[in-house]
Amino acid sequence: GEDLNEVEENSKDVIKFTSEKLSIDEVSQLVISPLCGAVSLFVGTTRNNFEGKKVISLEYEAYLPMAENEIRKICSDIRQKWPVKHIAVFHRLGSVPVSEASIIIAVSSAHRAESLQAVSYAIDTLKAKVPIWKK
């Protein structure tokens, strides 16, 4: 077989804010690795109701420098807690219509337990700490 030591790959954290439609495929491709047997994804979408009101789209705004720093910190916390390989966090800003993704978080790891826990931690912490808000 191939010498596994030849498959060296630096871990990466990819963070992106965009007004474009988010692509689940693009985000998952960023974290896939031959060293990993698991890629876990969280996709947050706009639902058609909020506090009893009908919703057609939501507007997202972020305080960008701080939001990016907070997400970098979340990535670094994840790496201290779990042996994950790659992390990608994409957040859409501006108008996000019903059923479209406002956030995609993807994490790869050797085994599924770590990436599932990391993704759950990422979205919970992001919602609590990162200055992104719905209008």
N, C-alpha and C. Protein backbone atom coordinates (compact mmCIF):
# COMPACT_ATOMS: atom_id res chain seq x y z
N GLY A 1 0.81 -1.21 0.00
CA GLY A 1 0.00 0.00 0.00
C GLY A 1 0.85 1.26 0.00
N GLU A 2 0.17 2.36 -0.15
CA GLU A 2 0.83 3.67 -0.17
C GLU A 2 1.28 4.04 1.23
N ASP A 3 2.41 4.71 1.33
CA ASP A 3 2.89 5.16 2.63
C ASP A 3 2.00 6.31 3.11
N LEU A 4 1.32 6.10 4.23
CA LEU A 4 0.38 7.11 4.73
C LEU A 4 1.06 8.42 5.07
N ASN A 5 2.33 8.38 5.38
CA ASN A 5 3.04 9.61 5.73
C ASN A 5 3.12 10.59 4.56
N GLU A 6 2.89 10.09 3.35
CA GLU A 6 2.92 10.98 2.18
C GLU A 6 1.67 11.86 2.11
N VAL A 7 0.61 11.43 2.76
CA VAL A 7 -0.63 12.22 2.73
C VAL A 7 -0.61 13.22 3.87
N GLU A 8 0.16 14.26 3.70
CA GLU A 8 0.21 15.33 4.71
C GLU A 8 -0.74 16.41 4.25
N GLU A 9 -1.49 16.94 5.16
CA GLU A 9 -2.46 17.96 4.78
C GLU A 9 -2.63 18.90 5.96
N ASN A 10 -2.37 20.18 5.74
CA ASN A 10 -2.56 21.14 6.83
C ASN A 10 -4.04 21.37 7.08
N SER A 11 -4.39 21.47 8.35
CA SER A 11 -5.77 21.76 8.71
C SER A 11 -6.12 23.18 8.30
N LYS A 12 -7.38 23.39 7.90
CA LYS A 12 -7.76 24.75 7.53
C LYS A 12 -9.11 25.13 8.11
N ASP A 13 -9.24 26.42 8.38
CA ASP A 13 -10.50 27.02 8.80
C ASP A 13 -10.88 28.01 7.70
N VAL A 14 -12.04 27.82 7.10
CA VAL A 14 -12.48 28.71 6.03
C VAL A 14 -13.75 29.43 6.50
N ILE A 15 -13.68 30.75 6.55
CA ILE A 15 -14.81 31.55 7.02
C ILE A 15 -15.18 32.52 5.91
N LYS A 16 -16.47 32.57 5.57
CA LYS A 16 -16.87 33.44 4.48
C LYS A 16 -18.24 34.06 4.77
N PHE A 17 -18.33 35.36 4.53
CA PHE A 17 -19.61 36.07 4.58
C PHE A 17 -19.90 36.52 3.15
N THR A 18 -21.11 36.31 2.69
CA THR A 18 -21.42 36.64 1.30
C THR A 18 -22.90 36.98 1.15
N SER A 19 -23.22 37.77 0.11
CA SER A 19 -24.63 38.03 -0.19
C SER A 19 -25.14 37.03 -1.22
N GLU A 20 -24.23 36.18 -1.74
CA GLU A 20 -24.61 35.18 -2.74
C GLU A 20 -25.32 34.00 -2.07
N LYS A 21 -26.07 33.25 -2.87
CA LYS A 21 -26.71 32.02 -2.41
C LYS A 21 -25.62 31.03 -1.98
N LEU A 22 -25.81 30.37 -0.84
CA LEU A 22 -24.81 29.43 -0.34
C LEU A 22 -24.95 28.06 -1.01
N SER A 23 -23.81 27.41 -1.24
CA SER A 23 -23.80 26.10 -1.88
C SER A 23 -23.31 25.04 -0.89
N ILE A 24 -24.20 24.10 -0.57
CA ILE A 24 -23.83 23.00 0.34
C ILE A 24 -22.66 22.22 -0.26
N ASP A 25 -22.70 22.01 -1.57
CA ASP A 25 -21.64 21.26 -2.25
C ASP A 25 -20.29 21.97 -2.11
N GLU A 26 -20.27 23.28 -2.35
CA GLU A 26 -19.02 24.04 -2.26
C GLU A 26 -18.42 23.95 -0.86
N VAL A 27 -19.27 24.11 0.15
CA VAL A 27 -18.78 24.10 1.53
C VAL A 27 -18.29 22.71 1.92
N SER A 28 -19.03 21.67 1.55
CA SER A 28 -18.59 20.32 1.93
C SER A 28 -17.30 19.93 1.19
N GLN A 29 -17.15 20.35 -0.07
CA GLN A 29 -15.91 20.05 -0.82
C GLN A 29 -14.68 20.65 -0.13
N LEU A 30 -14.85 21.78 0.53
CA LEU A 30 -13.73 22.44 1.20
C LEU A 30 -13.17 21.62 2.36
N VAL A 31 -14.01 20.80 2.98
CA VAL A 31 -13.55 20.08 4.18
C VAL A 31 -13.27 18.60 3.94
N ILE A 32 -13.70 18.06 2.81
CA ILE A 32 -13.46 16.64 2.52
C ILE A 32 -11.95 16.39 2.46
N SER A 33 -11.53 15.28 3.05
CA SER A 33 -10.11 14.95 3.11
C SER A 33 -9.93 13.44 3.06
N PRO A 34 -8.87 12.96 2.38
CA PRO A 34 -8.61 11.51 2.36
C PRO A 34 -8.27 10.97 3.76
N LEU A 35 -7.93 11.85 4.68
CA LEU A 35 -7.60 11.43 6.04
C LEU A 35 -8.84 11.26 6.91
N CYS A 36 -10.00 11.66 6.38
CA CYS A 36 -11.22 11.71 7.20
C CYS A 36 -12.29 10.75 6.70
N GLY A 37 -12.99 10.15 7.65
CA GLY A 37 -14.10 9.27 7.30
C GLY A 37 -15.44 9.93 7.54
N ALA A 38 -15.43 11.19 8.00
CA ALA A 38 -16.69 11.86 8.32
C ALA A 38 -16.65 13.33 7.93
N VAL A 39 -17.75 13.78 7.36
CA VAL A 39 -18.00 15.21 7.16
C VAL A 39 -19.38 15.48 7.73
N SER A 40 -19.45 16.36 8.71
CA SER A 40 -20.75 16.72 9.30
C SER A 40 -21.10 18.13 8.88
N LEU A 41 -22.39 18.32 8.56
CA LEU A 41 -22.88 19.60 8.07
C LEU A 41 -24.06 20.08 8.91
N PHE A 42 -24.08 21.37 9.17
CA PHE A 42 -25.30 21.99 9.67
C PHE A 42 -25.70 23.04 8.64
N VAL A 43 -26.96 23.01 8.23
CA VAL A 43 -27.47 24.01 7.29
C VAL A 43 -28.66 24.68 7.96
N GLY A 44 -28.54 25.98 8.21
CA GLY A 44 -29.65 26.75 8.78
C GLY A 44 -30.39 27.44 7.65
N THR A 45 -31.71 27.24 7.59
CA THR A 45 -32.50 27.81 6.50
C THR A 45 -33.57 28.75 7.05
N THR A 46 -34.07 29.61 6.19
CA THR A 46 -35.16 30.52 6.58
C THR A 46 -36.47 29.75 6.58
N ARG A 47 -37.18 29.77 7.71
CA ARG A 47 -38.50 29.12 7.74
C ARG A 47 -39.58 30.16 7.44
N ASN A 48 -40.79 29.67 7.16
CA ASN A 48 -41.84 30.57 6.67
C ASN A 48 -42.63 31.27 7.77
N ASN A 49 -42.17 31.12 9.03
CA ASN A 49 -42.86 31.80 10.13
C ASN A 49 -41.86 32.17 11.21
N PHE A 50 -42.14 33.26 11.90
CA PHE A 50 -41.29 33.70 13.01
C PHE A 50 -42.18 34.40 14.02
N GLU A 51 -42.22 33.84 15.23
CA GLU A 51 -43.07 34.40 16.29
C GLU A 51 -44.50 34.63 15.80
N GLY A 52 -45.04 33.62 15.11
CA GLY A 52 -46.44 33.68 14.67
C GLY A 52 -46.69 34.52 13.42
N LYS A 53 -45.65 35.12 12.88
CA LYS A 53 -45.83 35.95 11.68
C LYS A 53 -45.33 35.20 10.44
N LYS A 54 -45.99 35.46 9.32
CA LYS A 54 -45.56 34.87 8.05
C LYS A 54 -44.27 35.54 7.58
N VAL A 55 -43.34 34.73 7.10
CA VAL A 55 -42.05 35.26 6.65
C VAL A 55 -41.85 34.89 5.18
N ILE A 56 -41.39 35.84 4.39
CA ILE A 56 -41.06 35.59 2.99
C ILE A 56 -39.54 35.52 2.83
N SER A 57 -38.84 36.39 3.57
CA SER A 57 -37.38 36.33 3.60
C SER A 57 -36.92 37.01 4.89
N LEU A 58 -35.69 36.72 5.27
CA LEU A 58 -35.08 37.38 6.43
C LEU A 58 -33.88 38.17 5.96
N GLU A 59 -33.60 39.28 6.63
CA GLU A 59 -32.41 40.08 6.33
C GLU A 59 -31.38 39.83 7.41
N TYR A 60 -30.17 39.49 7.00
CA TYR A 60 -29.10 39.28 7.97
C TYR A 60 -28.06 40.37 7.85
N GLU A 61 -27.62 40.89 8.99
CA GLU A 61 -26.52 41.85 9.04
C GLU A 61 -25.48 41.32 10.01
N ALA A 62 -24.23 41.72 9.80
CA ALA A 62 -23.17 41.30 10.72
C ALA A 62 -22.23 42.46 10.95
N TYR A 63 -21.65 42.49 12.15
CA TYR A 63 -20.54 43.40 12.42
C TYR A 63 -19.30 42.62 12.04
N LEU A 64 -18.83 42.83 10.79
CA LEU A 64 -17.92 41.88 10.16
C LEU A 64 -16.59 41.61 10.85
N PRO A 65 -15.78 42.61 11.18
CA PRO A 65 -14.48 42.25 11.77
C PRO A 65 -14.65 41.43 13.04
N MET A 66 -15.59 41.84 13.87
CA MET A 66 -15.81 41.14 15.13
C MET A 66 -16.42 39.76 14.90
N ALA A 67 -17.37 39.66 13.97
CA ALA A 67 -18.01 38.38 13.67
C ALA A 67 -16.97 37.37 13.19
N GLU A 68 -16.08 37.80 12.31
CA GLU A 68 -15.05 36.89 11.81
C GLU A 68 -14.10 36.46 12.93
N ASN A 69 -13.70 37.40 13.78
CA ASN A 69 -12.83 37.06 14.91
C ASN A 69 -13.48 36.06 15.85
N GLU A 70 -14.77 36.26 16.14
CA GLU A 70 -15.48 35.33 17.03
C GLU A 70 -15.57 33.94 16.42
N ILE A 71 -15.79 33.86 15.12
CA ILE A 71 -15.86 32.55 14.47
C ILE A 71 -14.49 31.89 14.47
N ARG A 72 -13.43 32.67 14.26
CA ARG A 72 -12.07 32.10 14.34
C ARG A 72 -11.82 31.50 15.73
N LYS A 73 -12.30 32.21 16.75
CA LYS A 73 -12.15 31.74 18.13
C LYS A 73 -12.93 30.43 18.34
N ILE A 74 -14.13 30.35 17.77
CA ILE A 74 -14.91 29.11 17.86
C ILE A 74 -14.14 27.96 17.21
N CYS A 75 -13.55 28.21 16.05
CA CYS A 75 -12.76 27.18 15.36
C CYS A 75 -11.61 26.71 16.23
N SER A 76 -10.94 27.66 16.86
CA SER A 76 -9.80 27.29 17.70
C SER A 76 -10.26 26.53 18.95
N ASP A 77 -11.41 26.91 19.52
CA ASP A 77 -11.98 26.15 20.65
C ASP A 77 -12.31 24.72 20.23
N ILE A 78 -12.90 24.58 19.06
CA ILE A 78 -13.24 23.25 18.54
C ILE A 78 -11.98 22.39 18.45
N ARG A 79 -10.91 22.97 17.92
CA ARG A 79 -9.66 22.20 17.76
C ARG A 79 -9.06 21.78 19.10
N GLN A 80 -9.33 22.56 20.15
CA GLN A 80 -8.84 22.15 21.47
C GLN A 80 -9.69 21.03 22.06
N LYS A 81 -10.97 20.97 21.66
CA LYS A 81 -11.89 19.98 22.24
C LYS A 81 -11.92 18.65 21.47
N TRP A 82 -11.81 18.72 20.14
CA TRP A 82 -11.96 17.53 19.30
C TRP A 82 -10.87 17.48 18.22
N PRO A 83 -10.45 16.26 17.85
CA PRO A 83 -9.44 16.12 16.79
C PRO A 83 -10.08 16.21 15.39
N VAL A 84 -10.43 17.42 14.98
CA VAL A 84 -11.06 17.59 13.67
C VAL A 84 -10.02 18.04 12.65
N LYS A 85 -10.33 17.88 11.37
CA LYS A 85 -9.38 18.23 10.31
C LYS A 85 -9.65 19.63 9.76
N HIS A 86 -10.77 19.79 9.05
CA HIS A 86 -11.09 21.08 8.43
C HIS A 86 -12.42 21.60 8.95
N ILE A 87 -12.54 22.93 9.00
CA ILE A 87 -13.78 23.57 9.43
C ILE A 87 -14.11 24.65 8.41
N ALA A 88 -15.37 24.70 7.99
CA ALA A 88 -15.82 25.78 7.10
C ALA A 88 -17.11 26.36 7.66
N VAL A 89 -17.16 27.70 7.73
CA VAL A 89 -18.37 28.39 8.19
C VAL A 89 -18.70 29.47 7.16
N PHE A 90 -19.82 29.29 6.47
CA PHE A 90 -20.27 30.27 5.49
C PHE A 90 -21.57 30.88 5.99
N HIS A 91 -21.66 32.21 6.01
CA HIS A 91 -22.89 32.88 6.44
C HIS A 91 -23.33 33.84 5.35
N ARG A 92 -24.60 33.76 5.02
CA ARG A 92 -25.15 34.67 4.01
C ARG A 92 -25.62 35.94 4.69
N LEU A 93 -25.39 37.06 4.05
CA LEU A 93 -25.85 38.35 4.56
C LEU A 93 -26.85 38.94 3.57
N GLY A 94 -27.62 39.91 4.05
CA GLY A 94 -28.65 40.49 3.19
C GLY A 94 -29.90 39.63 3.25
N SER A 95 -30.66 39.64 2.16
CA SER A 95 -31.95 38.95 2.12
C SER A 95 -31.79 37.46 1.84
N VAL A 96 -32.40 36.63 2.70
CA VAL A 96 -32.37 35.17 2.52
C VAL A 96 -33.82 34.66 2.45
N PRO A 97 -34.28 34.27 1.25
CA PRO A 97 -35.67 33.82 1.10
C PRO A 97 -35.95 32.51 1.84
N VAL A 98 -37.24 32.25 2.07
CA VAL A 98 -37.67 31.01 2.73
C VAL A 98 -37.07 29.80 2.02
N SER A 99 -36.63 28.83 2.82
CA SER A 99 -36.04 27.56 2.38
C SER A 99 -34.59 27.67 1.90
N GLU A 100 -34.05 28.89 1.77
CA GLU A 100 -32.64 29.00 1.39
C GLU A 100 -31.77 29.07 2.63
N ALA A 101 -30.50 28.68 2.47
CA ALA A 101 -29.58 28.60 3.60
C ALA A 101 -29.04 29.97 4.00
N SER A 102 -29.08 30.26 5.30
CA SER A 102 -28.44 31.47 5.81
C SER A 102 -27.06 31.12 6.37
N ILE A 103 -26.88 29.85 6.79
CA ILE A 103 -25.58 29.44 7.32
C ILE A 103 -25.32 27.98 6.98
N ILE A 104 -24.07 27.69 6.64
CA ILE A 104 -23.62 26.30 6.48
C ILE A 104 -22.33 26.14 7.27
N ILE A 105 -22.31 25.14 8.13
CA ILE A 105 -21.10 24.81 8.89
C ILE A 105 -20.73 23.38 8.52
N ALA A 106 -19.48 23.16 8.14
CA ALA A 106 -19.01 21.82 7.79
C ALA A 106 -17.72 21.52 8.54
N VAL A 107 -17.63 20.31 9.06
CA VAL A 107 -16.44 19.88 9.80
C VAL A 107 -16.08 18.47 9.37
N SER A 108 -14.79 18.23 9.10
CA SER A 108 -14.35 16.87 8.79
C SER A 108 -13.49 16.34 9.93
N SER A 109 -13.58 15.03 10.13
CA SER A 109 -12.78 14.37 11.17
C SER A 109 -12.64 12.90 10.78
N ALA A 110 -11.73 12.22 11.46
CA ALA A 110 -11.50 10.81 11.17
C ALA A 110 -12.77 10.00 11.43
N HIS A 111 -13.48 10.33 12.51
CA HIS A 111 -14.67 9.58 12.92
C HIS A 111 -15.84 10.54 13.13
N ARG A 112 -17.07 10.03 13.01
CA ARG A 112 -18.24 10.91 13.00
C ARG A 112 -18.53 11.60 14.32
N ALA A 113 -18.26 10.94 15.44
CA ALA A 113 -18.65 11.54 16.74
C ALA A 113 -18.05 12.93 16.90
N GLU A 114 -16.77 13.07 16.56
CA GLU A 114 -16.08 14.36 16.75
C GLU A 114 -16.66 15.45 15.86
N SER A 115 -16.89 15.13 14.59
CA SER A 115 -17.40 16.18 13.69
C SER A 115 -18.84 16.56 14.02
N LEU A 116 -19.65 15.58 14.44
CA LEU A 116 -21.04 15.89 14.84
C LEU A 116 -21.06 16.80 16.07
N GLN A 117 -20.24 16.47 17.06
CA GLN A 117 -20.18 17.30 18.27
C GLN A 117 -19.65 18.70 17.95
N ALA A 118 -18.64 18.77 17.09
CA ALA A 118 -18.04 20.05 16.74
C ALA A 118 -19.03 20.96 16.02
N VAL A 119 -19.81 20.40 15.10
CA VAL A 119 -20.79 21.18 14.36
C VAL A 119 -21.88 21.71 15.30
N SER A 120 -22.32 20.87 16.22
CA SER A 120 -23.34 21.27 17.18
C SER A 120 -22.81 22.40 18.08
N TYR A 121 -21.58 22.24 18.54
CA TYR A 121 -20.94 23.28 19.37
C TYR A 121 -20.82 24.58 18.56
N ALA A 122 -20.42 24.46 17.30
CA ALA A 122 -20.20 25.65 16.46
C ALA A 122 -21.48 26.46 16.30
N ILE A 123 -22.60 25.82 15.97
CA ILE A 123 -23.82 26.60 15.75
C ILE A 123 -24.35 27.16 17.06
N ASP A 124 -24.28 26.39 18.15
CA ASP A 124 -24.77 26.89 19.44
C ASP A 124 -23.95 28.10 19.90
N THR A 125 -22.64 28.02 19.76
CA THR A 125 -21.76 29.10 20.21
C THR A 125 -21.88 30.31 19.30
N LEU A 126 -21.99 30.06 18.00
CA LEU A 126 -22.15 31.16 17.04
C LEU A 126 -23.42 31.95 17.35
N LYS A 127 -24.52 31.24 17.59
CA LYS A 127 -25.79 31.93 17.89
C LYS A 127 -25.68 32.76 19.17
N ALA A 128 -24.92 32.27 20.14
CA ALA A 128 -24.81 32.95 21.43
C ALA A 128 -23.84 34.14 21.39
N LYS A 129 -22.77 34.05 20.57
CA LYS A 129 -21.66 35.01 20.72
C LYS A 129 -21.35 35.89 19.53
N VAL A 130 -21.74 35.46 18.33
CA VAL A 130 -21.27 36.18 17.13
C VAL A 130 -22.26 37.29 16.75
N PRO A 131 -21.74 38.51 16.51
CA PRO A 131 -22.62 39.65 16.21
C PRO A 131 -23.20 39.61 14.79
N ILE A 132 -24.17 38.68 14.62
CA ILE A 132 -24.93 38.58 13.37
C ILE A 132 -26.39 38.66 13.80
N TRP A 133 -27.16 39.47 13.13
CA TRP A 133 -28.55 39.59 13.57
C TRP A 133 -29.52 39.61 12.40
N LYS A 134 -30.76 39.15 12.72
CA LYS A 134 -31.86 39.15 11.75
C LYS A 134 -32.57 40.49 11.86
N LYS A 135 -32.96 41.02 10.71
CA LYS A 135 -33.74 42.27 10.72
C LYS A 135 -35.19 41.96 10.45
